[in-house]
């Protein structure tokens, strides 16, 4: 019998019998959510579900559950930069998404890294948690405007974040198209303006290539939407990593979030709760109604 390599003699050594599955790689640059419904944890769950190998650069640690955020501690900007460099040097990253970036110093380091990498970047400009806790230092909005957003492929603000970036008091339902187009004009990137905060049925508006595309979908009731913005940007990044064009990636991402909310899970918790079923979702855009480009 031929001799076996030393490594084979270790207890429990198993040899894969099939060729490894190739996986595109995506990078999430975001904060940690200790409750796992949002942030890096949610991003990785989405990446796995959509067949993408997920890598991370952690920007902040939060102590939170569904009742709210109890504490936030930012990661030093140079450590964030080192994480991104390590990932980009070790993997063929095909798309990046950013979430909670916490400080101007972190935003500046991230902006420099993604500009040099020349790969698709989805920026979710996280500013305030659903509970009202600030997830971005006050002086960091200018860094978003001046340093990061001009380098991104797609910006995915909710109505409150878009209002901050446009320096206006608020955005009404009949202003979605104009505000998405104005953001795209100001920052030179595509913009997916999320309408989930509207009182009526959600309308999401994509301003891209001089056109405006609207998707309508029924609101899913009885489900906690914590982390839905993180899921959307992660799903879009995953589809971009898989080679989809931007419009298809947005449509598939929106379909994924709708399906996750429509098929919730109920983790054991201090109080009964229904959360987005990421592990049960697909990217079927069937529930979405897409208006003709305007």
C-alpha atoms as a PDB file:
ATOM      1  CA  UNK A   1       0.000   0.000   0.000  1.00  0.00           C
ATOM      2  CA  UNK A   2       1.446   3.408  -0.917  1.00  0.00           C
ATOM      3  CA  UNK A   3       2.307   5.695   1.944  1.00  0.00           C
ATOM      4  CA  UNK A   4      -0.156   8.448   2.856  1.00  0.00           C
ATOM      5  CA  UNK A   5       0.793  12.088   3.351  1.00  0.00           C
ATOM      6  CA  UNK A   6       1.282  13.091   6.953  1.00  0.00           C
ATOM      7  CA  UNK A   7      -1.776  15.350   6.847  1.00  0.00           C
ATOM      8  CA  UNK A   8      -3.921  12.342   5.893  1.00  0.00           C
ATOM      9  CA  UNK A   9      -2.959  10.599   9.105  1.00  0.00           C
ATOM     10  CA  UNK A  10      -4.640  13.220  11.230  1.00  0.00           C
ATOM     11  CA  UNK A  11      -7.798  11.963  12.839  1.00  0.00           C
ATOM     12  CA  UNK A  12     -10.881  12.627  10.770  1.00  0.00           C
ATOM     13  CA  UNK A  13      -9.119  13.614   7.545  1.00  0.00           C
ATOM     14  CA  UNK A  14     -11.612  13.603   4.666  1.00  0.00           C
ATOM     15  CA  UNK A  15     -10.926  14.142   0.983  1.00  0.00           C
ATOM     16  CA  UNK A  16     -13.435  15.995  -1.170  1.00  0.00           C
ATOM     17  CA  UNK A  17     -14.622  13.712  -3.921  1.00  0.00           C
ATOM     18  CA  UNK A  18     -15.808  16.443  -6.278  1.00  0.00           C
ATOM     19  CA  UNK A  19     -14.353  19.592  -7.751  1.00  0.00           C
ATOM     20  CA  UNK A  20     -14.953  22.648  -5.545  1.00  0.00           C
ATOM     21  CA  UNK A  21     -17.838  24.913  -6.483  1.00  0.00           C
ATOM     22  CA  UNK A  22     -16.672  28.249  -7.839  1.00  0.00           C
ATOM     23  CA  UNK A  23     -18.207  31.223  -6.079  1.00  0.00           C
ATOM     24  CA  UNK A  24     -18.038  34.926  -6.929  1.00  0.00           C
ATOM     25  CA  UNK A  25     -16.791  37.051  -4.027  1.00  0.00           C
ATOM     26  CA  UNK A  26     -18.465  40.083  -2.481  1.00  0.00           C
ATOM     27  CA  UNK A  27     -17.191  42.350   0.292  1.00  0.00           C
ATOM     28  CA  UNK A  28     -19.344  43.962   2.961  1.00  0.00           C
ATOM     29  CA  UNK A  29     -17.878  46.989   4.745  1.00  0.00           C
ATOM     30  CA  UNK A  30     -20.271  47.547   7.634  1.00  0.00           C
ATOM     31  CA  UNK A  31     -20.963  47.349  11.339  1.00  0.00           C
ATOM     32  CA  UNK A  32     -21.845  44.381  13.497  1.00  0.00           C
ATOM     33  CA  UNK A  33     -25.399  43.798  14.757  1.00  0.00           C
ATOM     34  CA  UNK A  34     -25.268  41.558  17.825  1.00  0.00           C
ATOM     35  CA  UNK A  35     -28.890  40.585  17.188  1.00  0.00           C
ATOM     36  CA  UNK A  36     -27.948  39.385  13.664  1.00  0.00           C
ATOM     37  CA  UNK A  37     -30.936  40.969  11.946  1.00  0.00           C
ATOM     38  CA  UNK A  38     -28.906  43.671  10.207  1.00  0.00           C
ATOM     39  CA  UNK A  39     -25.319  44.709   9.553  1.00  0.00           C
ATOM     40  CA  UNK A  40     -22.491  42.349   8.689  1.00  0.00           C
ATOM     41  CA  UNK A  41     -24.412  39.348  10.000  1.00  0.00           C
ATOM     42  CA  UNK A  42     -27.390  39.943   7.717  1.00  0.00           C
ATOM     43  CA  UNK A  43     -25.100  40.666   4.762  1.00  0.00           C
ATOM     44  CA  UNK A  44     -23.310  37.344   5.138  1.00  0.00           C
ATOM     45  CA  UNK A  45     -26.614  35.496   5.396  1.00  0.00           C
ATOM     46  CA  UNK A  46     -27.768  37.127   2.155  1.00  0.00           C
ATOM     47  CA  UNK A  47     -24.495  36.371   0.375  1.00  0.00           C
ATOM     48  CA  UNK A  48     -24.681  32.694   1.321  1.00  0.00           C
ATOM     49  CA  UNK A  49     -28.311  32.439   0.259  1.00  0.00           C
ATOM     50  CA  UNK A  50     -27.491  33.936  -3.145  1.00  0.00           C
ATOM     51  CA  UNK A  51     -24.473  31.722  -3.787  1.00  0.00           C
ATOM     52  CA  UNK A  52     -21.789  34.343  -3.186  1.00  0.00           C
ATOM     53  CA  UNK A  53     -18.692  33.976  -1.002  1.00  0.00           C
ATOM     54  CA  UNK A  54     -18.886  36.773   1.538  1.00  0.00           C
ATOM     55  CA  UNK A  55     -15.921  38.687   2.946  1.00  0.00           C
ATOM     56  CA  UNK A  56     -16.041  41.520   5.469  1.00  0.00           C
ATOM     57  CA  UNK A  57     -14.410  44.626   6.852  1.00  0.00           C
ATOM     58  CA  UNK A  58     -15.874  45.532  10.228  1.00  0.00           C
ATOM     59  CA  UNK A  59     -16.364  49.255  10.900  1.00  0.00           C
ATOM     60  CA  UNK A  60     -18.126  49.267  14.285  1.00  0.00           C
ATOM     61  CA  UNK A  61     -19.421  46.995  17.013  1.00  0.00           C
ATOM     62  CA  UNK A  62     -22.930  47.586  18.337  1.00  0.00           C
ATOM     63  CA  UNK A  63     -24.662  46.138  21.363  1.00  0.00           C
ATOM     64  CA  UNK A  64     -28.254  45.778  20.209  1.00  0.00           C
ATOM     65  CA  UNK A  65     -31.337  43.661  19.985  1.00  0.00           C
ATOM     66  CA  UNK A  66     -34.767  44.331  18.562  1.00  0.00           C
ATOM     67  CA  UNK A  67     -35.510  46.785  21.363  1.00  0.00           C
ATOM     68  CA  UNK A  68     -32.733  49.133  20.289  1.00  0.00           C
ATOM     69  CA  UNK A  69     -29.049  49.970  20.214  1.00  0.00           C
ATOM     70  CA  UNK A  70     -27.393  50.077  23.649  1.00  0.00           C
ATOM     71  CA  UNK A  71     -23.817  50.917  22.732  1.00  0.00           C
ATOM     72  CA  UNK A  72     -21.640  51.637  19.691  1.00  0.00           C
ATOM     73  CA  UNK A  73     -17.870  51.470  19.373  1.00  0.00           C
ATOM     74  CA  UNK A  74     -16.160  52.359  16.121  1.00  0.00           C
ATOM     75  CA  UNK A  75     -13.207  50.395  14.778  1.00  0.00           C
ATOM     76  CA  UNK A  76     -10.076  52.513  14.176  1.00  0.00           C
ATOM     77  CA  UNK A  77     -10.033  53.783  10.603  1.00  0.00           C
ATOM     78  CA  UNK A  78      -6.600  52.292   9.922  1.00  0.00           C
ATOM     79  CA  UNK A  79      -7.868  48.862  10.994  1.00  0.00           C
ATOM     80  CA  UNK A  80     -10.833  49.165   8.630  1.00  0.00           C
ATOM     81  CA  UNK A  81      -8.438  50.118   5.849  1.00  0.00           C
ATOM     82  CA  UNK A  82      -6.214  47.124   6.653  1.00  0.00           C
ATOM     83  CA  UNK A  83      -9.181  44.738   6.537  1.00  0.00           C
ATOM     84  CA  UNK A  84     -10.229  46.008   3.112  1.00  0.00           C
ATOM     85  CA  UNK A  85      -6.661  45.771   1.782  1.00  0.00           C
ATOM     86  CA  UNK A  86      -6.278  42.210   3.062  1.00  0.00           C
ATOM     87  CA  UNK A  87      -9.502  41.106   1.395  1.00  0.00           C
ATOM     88  CA  UNK A  88      -8.811  42.845  -1.915  1.00  0.00           C
ATOM     89  CA  UNK A  89      -5.301  41.391  -2.049  1.00  0.00           C
ATOM     90  CA  UNK A  90      -6.410  37.864  -1.178  1.00  0.00           C
ATOM     91  CA  UNK A  91      -9.641  37.550  -3.169  1.00  0.00           C
ATOM     92  CA  UNK A  92     -10.981  38.519  -6.593  1.00  0.00           C
ATOM     93  CA  UNK A  93     -13.731  40.690  -5.154  1.00  0.00           C
ATOM     94  CA  UNK A  94     -16.429  41.284  -7.765  1.00  0.00           C
ATOM     95  CA  UNK A  95     -18.621  43.750  -5.825  1.00  0.00           C
ATOM     96  CA  UNK A  96     -18.567  45.780  -2.609  1.00  0.00           C
ATOM     97  CA  UNK A  97     -21.375  47.037  -0.409  1.00  0.00           C
ATOM     98  CA  UNK A  98     -21.053  49.512   2.398  1.00  0.00           C
ATOM     99  CA  UNK A  99     -23.375  49.891   5.348  1.00  0.00           C
ATOM    100  CA  UNK A 100     -22.709  51.555   8.688  1.00  0.00           C
ATOM    101  CA  UNK A 101     -19.431  53.475   8.348  1.00  0.00           C
ATOM    102  CA  UNK A 102     -19.659  55.445  11.612  1.00  0.00           C
ATOM    103  CA  UNK A 103     -17.037  58.177  11.152  1.00  0.00           C
ATOM    104  CA  UNK A 104     -15.618  60.590   8.607  1.00  0.00           C
ATOM    105  CA  UNK A 105     -12.184  58.981   8.994  1.00  0.00           C
ATOM    106  CA  UNK A 106     -13.580  55.542   8.107  1.00  0.00           C
ATOM    107  CA  UNK A 107     -15.529  56.920   5.142  1.00  0.00           C
ATOM    108  CA  UNK A 108     -12.393  58.585   3.765  1.00  0.00           C
ATOM    109  CA  UNK A 109     -10.369  55.343   4.024  1.00  0.00           C
ATOM    110  CA  UNK A 110     -13.153  53.314   2.433  1.00  0.00           C
ATOM    111  CA  UNK A 111     -13.557  55.846  -0.375  1.00  0.00           C
ATOM    112  CA  UNK A 112      -9.859  55.712  -1.212  1.00  0.00           C
ATOM    113  CA  UNK A 113      -9.842  51.919  -1.222  1.00  0.00           C
ATOM    114  CA  UNK A 114     -12.878  51.428  -3.456  1.00  0.00           C
ATOM    115  CA  UNK A 115     -11.804  54.166  -5.863  1.00  0.00           C
ATOM    116  CA  UNK A 116      -8.494  52.378  -6.379  1.00  0.00           C
ATOM    117  CA  UNK A 117     -10.154  48.957  -6.738  1.00  0.00           C
ATOM    118  CA  UNK A 118     -12.385  49.980  -9.671  1.00  0.00           C
ATOM    119  CA  UNK A 119     -15.144  47.441  -8.935  1.00  0.00           C
ATOM    120  CA  UNK A 120     -18.916  47.939  -8.488  1.00  0.00           C
ATOM    121  CA  UNK A 121     -19.757  49.573  -5.147  1.00  0.00           C
ATOM    122  CA  UNK A 122     -23.218  49.753  -3.574  1.00  0.00           C
ATOM    123  CA  UNK A 123     -23.444  52.430  -0.875  1.00  0.00           C
ATOM    124  CA  UNK A 124     -26.215  52.142   1.707  1.00  0.00           C
ATOM    125  CA  UNK A 125     -25.751  55.463   3.557  1.00  0.00           C
ATOM    126  CA  UNK A 126     -26.743  54.208   7.005  1.00  0.00           C
ATOM    127  CA  UNK A 127     -27.272  57.151   9.352  1.00  0.00           C
ATOM    128  CA  UNK A 128     -29.888  56.295  11.975  1.00  0.00           C
ATOM    129  CA  UNK A 129     -31.207  52.967  13.268  1.00  0.00           C
ATOM    130  CA  UNK A 130     -34.922  52.188  13.099  1.00  0.00           C
ATOM    131  CA  UNK A 131     -34.959  52.646  16.884  1.00  0.00           C
ATOM    132  CA  UNK A 132     -33.659  56.205  16.451  1.00  0.00           C
ATOM    133  CA  UNK A 133     -30.054  55.558  17.566  1.00  0.00           C
ATOM    134  CA  UNK A 134     -27.427  57.442  15.548  1.00  0.00           C
ATOM    135  CA  UNK A 135     -25.170  55.133  13.548  1.00  0.00           C
ATOM    136  CA  UNK A 136     -23.136  57.924  11.943  1.00  0.00           C
ATOM    137  CA  UNK A 137     -21.224  60.704  13.632  1.00  0.00           C
ATOM    138  CA  UNK A 138     -22.517  64.186  12.871  1.00  0.00           C
ATOM    139  CA  UNK A 139     -19.440  65.309  10.921  1.00  0.00           C
ATOM    140  CA  UNK A 140     -19.471  62.269   8.638  1.00  0.00           C
ATOM    141  CA  UNK A 141     -22.285  63.324   6.289  1.00  0.00           C
ATOM    142  CA  UNK A 142     -19.936  65.691   4.453  1.00  0.00           C
ATOM    143  CA  UNK A 143     -17.477  62.840   3.934  1.00  0.00           C
ATOM    144  CA  UNK A 144     -20.262  60.767   2.386  1.00  0.00           C
ATOM    145  CA  UNK A 145     -21.140  63.615   0.021  1.00  0.00           C
ATOM    146  CA  UNK A 146     -17.611  64.599  -0.938  1.00  0.00           C
ATOM    147  CA  UNK A 147     -15.553  61.412  -0.751  1.00  0.00           C
ATOM    148  CA  UNK A 148     -17.532  58.171  -1.049  1.00  0.00           C
ATOM    149  CA  UNK A 149     -20.763  58.657  -2.963  1.00  0.00           C
ATOM    150  CA  UNK A 150     -19.064  60.153  -6.061  1.00  0.00           C
ATOM    151  CA  UNK A 151     -17.082  56.886  -6.368  1.00  0.00           C
ATOM    152  CA  UNK A 152     -20.018  54.491  -6.002  1.00  0.00           C
ATOM    153  CA  UNK A 153     -21.955  52.577  -8.624  1.00  0.00           C
ATOM    154  CA  UNK A 154     -25.271  52.707  -6.796  1.00  0.00           C
ATOM    155  CA  UNK A 155     -26.582  54.703  -3.842  1.00  0.00           C
ATOM    156  CA  UNK A 156     -29.513  53.162  -1.912  1.00  0.00           C
ATOM    157  CA  UNK A 157     -30.895  55.777   0.514  1.00  0.00           C
ATOM    158  CA  UNK A 158     -34.230  55.616   2.288  1.00  0.00           C
ATOM    159  CA  UNK A 159     -36.369  58.741   2.302  1.00  0.00           C
ATOM    160  CA  UNK A 160     -34.815  60.184   5.458  1.00  0.00           C
ATOM    161  CA  UNK A 161     -31.250  59.630   4.231  1.00  0.00           C
ATOM    162  CA  UNK A 162     -32.063  61.087   0.818  1.00  0.00           C
ATOM    163  CA  UNK A 163     -33.513  64.176   2.478  1.00  0.00           C
ATOM    164  CA  UNK A 164     -30.285  64.651   4.459  1.00  0.00           C
ATOM    165  CA  UNK A 165     -28.142  64.273   1.342  1.00  0.00           C
ATOM    166  CA  UNK A 166     -30.353  66.717  -0.552  1.00  0.00           C
ATOM    167  CA  UNK A 167     -30.513  69.098   2.416  1.00  0.00           C
ATOM    168  CA  UNK A 168     -34.292  69.290   2.384  1.00  0.00           C
ATOM    169  CA  UNK A 169     -36.850  68.734   5.163  1.00  0.00           C
ATOM    170  CA  UNK A 170     -38.513  65.642   3.711  1.00  0.00           C
ATOM    171  CA  UNK A 171     -39.651  63.777   0.601  1.00  0.00           C
ATOM    172  CA  UNK A 172     -43.272  63.118  -0.338  1.00  0.00           C
ATOM    173  CA  UNK A 173     -44.601  60.342  -2.570  1.00  0.00           C
ATOM    174  CA  UNK A 174     -44.996  62.636  -5.575  1.00  0.00           C
ATOM    175  CA  UNK A 175     -41.370  63.792  -5.257  1.00  0.00           C
ATOM    176  CA  UNK A 176     -39.649  60.393  -5.505  1.00  0.00           C
ATOM    177  CA  UNK A 177     -38.736  60.557  -9.182  1.00  0.00           C
ATOM    178  CA  UNK A 178     -37.394  64.096  -9.015  1.00  0.00           C
ATOM    179  CA  UNK A 179     -35.378  63.441  -5.836  1.00  0.00           C
ATOM    180  CA  UNK A 180     -33.831  60.233  -7.185  1.00  0.00           C
ATOM    181  CA  UNK A 181     -32.888  62.018 -10.411  1.00  0.00           C
ATOM    182  CA  UNK A 182     -31.446  64.980  -8.501  1.00  0.00           C
ATOM    183  CA  UNK A 183     -29.280  62.710  -6.338  1.00  0.00           C
ATOM    184  CA  UNK A 184     -28.041  60.935  -9.468  1.00  0.00           C
ATOM    185  CA  UNK A 185     -27.228  64.281 -11.070  1.00  0.00           C
ATOM    186  CA  UNK A 186     -25.445  65.655  -8.013  1.00  0.00           C
ATOM    187  CA  UNK A 187     -23.294  62.631  -7.330  1.00  0.00           C
ATOM    188  CA  UNK A 188     -22.823  61.093 -10.785  1.00  0.00           C
ATOM    189  CA  UNK A 189     -24.029  57.628  -9.780  1.00  0.00           C
ATOM    190  CA  UNK A 190     -27.163  55.520 -10.084  1.00  0.00           C
ATOM    191  CA  UNK A 191     -29.647  55.973  -7.224  1.00  0.00           C
ATOM    192  CA  UNK A 192     -32.230  53.511  -5.903  1.00  0.00           C
ATOM    193  CA  UNK A 193     -34.487  55.599  -3.665  1.00  0.00           C
ATOM    194  CA  UNK A 194     -36.305  53.276  -1.263  1.00  0.00           C
ATOM    195  CA  UNK A 195     -39.958  54.079  -0.580  1.00  0.00           C
ATOM    196  CA  UNK A 196     -40.593  51.669   2.258  1.00  0.00           C
ATOM    197  CA  UNK A 197     -41.283  54.565   4.660  1.00  0.00           C
ATOM    198  CA  UNK A 198     -44.202  55.803   2.579  1.00  0.00           C
ATOM    199  CA  UNK A 199     -47.611  55.562   4.220  1.00  0.00           C
ATOM    200  CA  UNK A 200     -49.043  53.900   1.116  1.00  0.00           C
ATOM    201  CA  UNK A 201     -47.764  50.795  -0.680  1.00  0.00           C
ATOM    202  CA  UNK A 202     -43.984  50.975  -1.201  1.00  0.00           C
ATOM    203  CA  UNK A 203     -42.569  52.432  -4.396  1.00  0.00           C
ATOM    204  CA  UNK A 204     -38.839  52.139  -5.119  1.00  0.00           C
ATOM    205  CA  UNK A 205     -37.337  54.416  -7.760  1.00  0.00           C
ATOM    206  CA  UNK A 206     -34.132  53.835  -9.735  1.00  0.00           C
ATOM    207  CA  UNK A 207     -32.518  56.804 -11.488  1.00  0.00           C
ATOM    208  CA  UNK A 208     -29.947  55.418 -13.905  1.00  0.00           C
ATOM    209  CA  UNK A 209     -28.639  56.387 -17.321  1.00  0.00           C
ATOM    210  CA  UNK A 210     -30.977  59.342 -17.659  1.00  0.00           C
ATOM    211  CA  UNK A 211     -34.066  57.211 -17.021  1.00  0.00           C
ATOM    212  CA  UNK A 212     -36.277  56.571 -14.003  1.00  0.00           C
ATOM    213  CA  UNK A 213     -37.648  53.095 -13.289  1.00  0.00           C
ATOM    214  CA  UNK A 214     -40.290  52.509 -10.614  1.00  0.00           C
ATOM    215  CA  UNK A 215     -41.127  49.254  -8.866  1.00  0.00           C
ATOM    216  CA  UNK A 216     -44.318  48.881  -6.864  1.00  0.00           C
ATOM    217  CA  UNK A 217     -45.079  46.019  -4.501  1.00  0.00           C
ATOM    218  CA  UNK A 218     -47.572  45.221  -1.758  1.00  0.00           C
ATOM    219  CA  UNK A 219     -46.525  45.966   1.809  1.00  0.00           C
ATOM    220  CA  UNK A 220     -45.893  42.843   3.910  1.00  0.00           C
ATOM    221  CA  UNK A 221     -47.672  43.253   7.235  1.00  0.00           C
ATOM    222  CA  UNK A 222     -46.870  41.692  10.597  1.00  0.00           C
ATOM    223  CA  UNK A 223     -43.111  41.355  10.068  1.00  0.00           C
ATOM    224  CA  UNK A 224     -40.328  43.326  11.754  1.00  0.00           C
ATOM    225  CA  UNK A 225     -38.432  45.024   8.905  1.00  0.00           C
ATOM    226  CA  UNK A 226     -35.221  45.465  10.915  1.00  0.00           C
ATOM    227  CA  UNK A 227     -32.271  45.109   8.539  1.00  0.00           C
ATOM    228  CA  UNK A 228     -34.254  45.307   5.309  1.00  0.00           C
ATOM    229  CA  UNK A 229     -31.991  48.048   3.932  1.00  0.00           C
ATOM    230  CA  UNK A 230     -28.897  45.982   4.680  1.00  0.00           C
ATOM    231  CA  UNK A 231     -30.460  42.960   2.987  1.00  0.00           C
ATOM    232  CA  UNK A 232     -31.317  44.961  -0.118  1.00  0.00           C
ATOM    233  CA  UNK A 233     -27.853  46.434  -0.647  1.00  0.00           C
ATOM    234  CA  UNK A 234     -26.263  43.042   0.056  1.00  0.00           C
ATOM    235  CA  UNK A 235     -28.573  41.296  -2.405  1.00  0.00           C
ATOM    236  CA  UNK A 236     -27.861  43.874  -5.113  1.00  0.00           C
ATOM    237  CA  UNK A 237     -24.114  43.524  -4.511  1.00  0.00           C
ATOM    238  CA  UNK A 238     -24.455  39.742  -4.698  1.00  0.00           C
ATOM    239  CA  UNK A 239     -26.200  39.939  -8.056  1.00  0.00           C
ATOM    240  CA  UNK A 240     -23.609  42.394  -9.370  1.00  0.00           C
ATOM    241  CA  UNK A 241     -20.903  39.967  -8.232  1.00  0.00           C
ATOM    242  CA  UNK A 242     -22.703  37.258 -10.176  1.00  0.00           C
ATOM    243  CA  UNK A 243     -22.501  39.387 -13.318  1.00  0.00           C
ATOM    244  CA  UNK A 244     -25.983  40.919 -13.509  1.00  0.00           C
ATOM    245  CA  UNK A 245     -26.464  44.365 -14.998  1.00  0.00           C
ATOM    246  CA  UNK A 246     -27.494  47.127 -12.592  1.00  0.00           C
ATOM    247  CA  UNK A 247     -31.220  47.197 -13.394  1.00  0.00           C
ATOM    248  CA  UNK A 248     -31.493  43.417 -13.106  1.00  0.00           C
ATOM    249  CA  UNK A 249     -29.490  43.436  -9.862  1.00  0.00           C
ATOM    250  CA  UNK A 250     -31.831  46.061  -8.376  1.00  0.00           C
ATOM    251  CA  UNK A 251     -34.947  44.168  -9.459  1.00  0.00           C
ATOM    252  CA  UNK A 252     -33.600  40.867  -8.121  1.00  0.00           C
ATOM    253  CA  UNK A 253     -32.534  42.546  -4.882  1.00  0.00           C
ATOM    254  CA  UNK A 254     -35.957  44.089  -4.351  1.00  0.00           C
ATOM    255  CA  UNK A 255     -37.569  40.735  -5.089  1.00  0.00           C
ATOM    256  CA  UNK A 256     -35.289  39.036  -2.581  1.00  0.00           C
ATOM    257  CA  UNK A 257     -36.195  41.423   0.252  1.00  0.00           C
ATOM    258  CA  UNK A 258     -39.901  41.110  -0.500  1.00  0.00           C
ATOM    259  CA  UNK A 259     -39.655  37.317  -0.465  1.00  0.00           C
ATOM    260  CA  UNK A 260     -37.678  37.364   2.794  1.00  0.00           C
ATOM    261  CA  UNK A 261     -40.343  39.501   4.473  1.00  0.00           C
ATOM    262  CA  UNK A 262     -43.135  37.376   2.992  1.00  0.00           C
ATOM    263  CA  UNK A 263     -41.570  34.176   4.391  1.00  0.00           C
ATOM    264  CA  UNK A 264     -40.532  35.225   7.916  1.00  0.00           C
ATOM    265  CA  UNK A 265     -38.855  33.249  10.660  1.00  0.00           C
ATOM    266  CA  UNK A 266     -39.664  33.363  14.363  1.00  0.00           C
ATOM    267  CA  UNK A 267     -36.483  33.006  16.439  1.00  0.00           C
ATOM    268  CA  UNK A 268     -36.852  32.174  20.088  1.00  0.00           C
ATOM    269  CA  UNK A 269     -36.848  35.563  21.814  1.00  0.00           C
ATOM    270  CA  UNK A 270     -37.920  37.365  24.957  1.00  0.00           C
ATOM    271  CA  UNK A 271     -41.079  38.427  23.128  1.00  0.00           C
ATOM    272  CA  UNK A 272     -42.710  36.875  20.047  1.00  0.00           C
ATOM    273  CA  UNK A 273     -41.235  38.318  16.857  1.00  0.00           C
ATOM    274  CA  UNK A 274     -41.293  37.606  13.129  1.00  0.00           C
ATOM    275  CA  UNK A 275     -38.155  38.562  11.204  1.00  0.00           C
ATOM    276  CA  UNK A 276     -37.231  38.441   7.536  1.00  0.00           C
ATOM    277  CA  UNK A 277     -36.620  34.864   6.459  1.00  0.00           C
ATOM    278  CA  UNK A 278     -33.373  35.378   4.589  1.00  0.00           C
ATOM    279  CA  UNK A 279     -32.678  31.649   4.481  1.00  0.00           C
ATOM    280  CA  UNK A 280     -36.131  31.041   2.964  1.00  0.00           C
ATOM    281  CA  UNK A 281     -36.015  33.767   0.301  1.00  0.00           C
ATOM    282  CA  UNK A 282     -35.259  33.765  -3.389  1.00  0.00           C
ATOM    283  CA  UNK A 283     -34.932  36.621  -5.869  1.00  0.00           C
ATOM    284  CA  UNK A 284     -38.225  36.104  -7.670  1.00  0.00           C
ATOM    285  CA  UNK A 285     -39.371  39.582  -8.748  1.00  0.00           C
ATOM    286  CA  UNK A 286     -42.904  38.269  -9.361  1.00  0.00           C
ATOM    287  CA  UNK A 287     -44.572  40.373  -6.626  1.00  0.00           C
ATOM    288  CA  UNK A 288     -43.039  43.561  -8.087  1.00  0.00           C
ATOM    289  CA  UNK A 289     -44.796  45.697 -10.672  1.00  0.00           C
ATOM    290  CA  UNK A 290     -42.306  47.526 -12.856  1.00  0.00           C
ATOM    291  CA  UNK A 291     -43.452  50.736 -14.515  1.00  0.00           C
ATOM    292  CA  UNK A 292     -42.101  51.583 -17.970  1.00  0.00           C
ATOM    293  CA  UNK A 293     -38.968  53.743 -17.842  1.00  0.00           C
ATOM    294  CA  UNK A 294     -39.710  57.445 -17.549  1.00  0.00           C
END
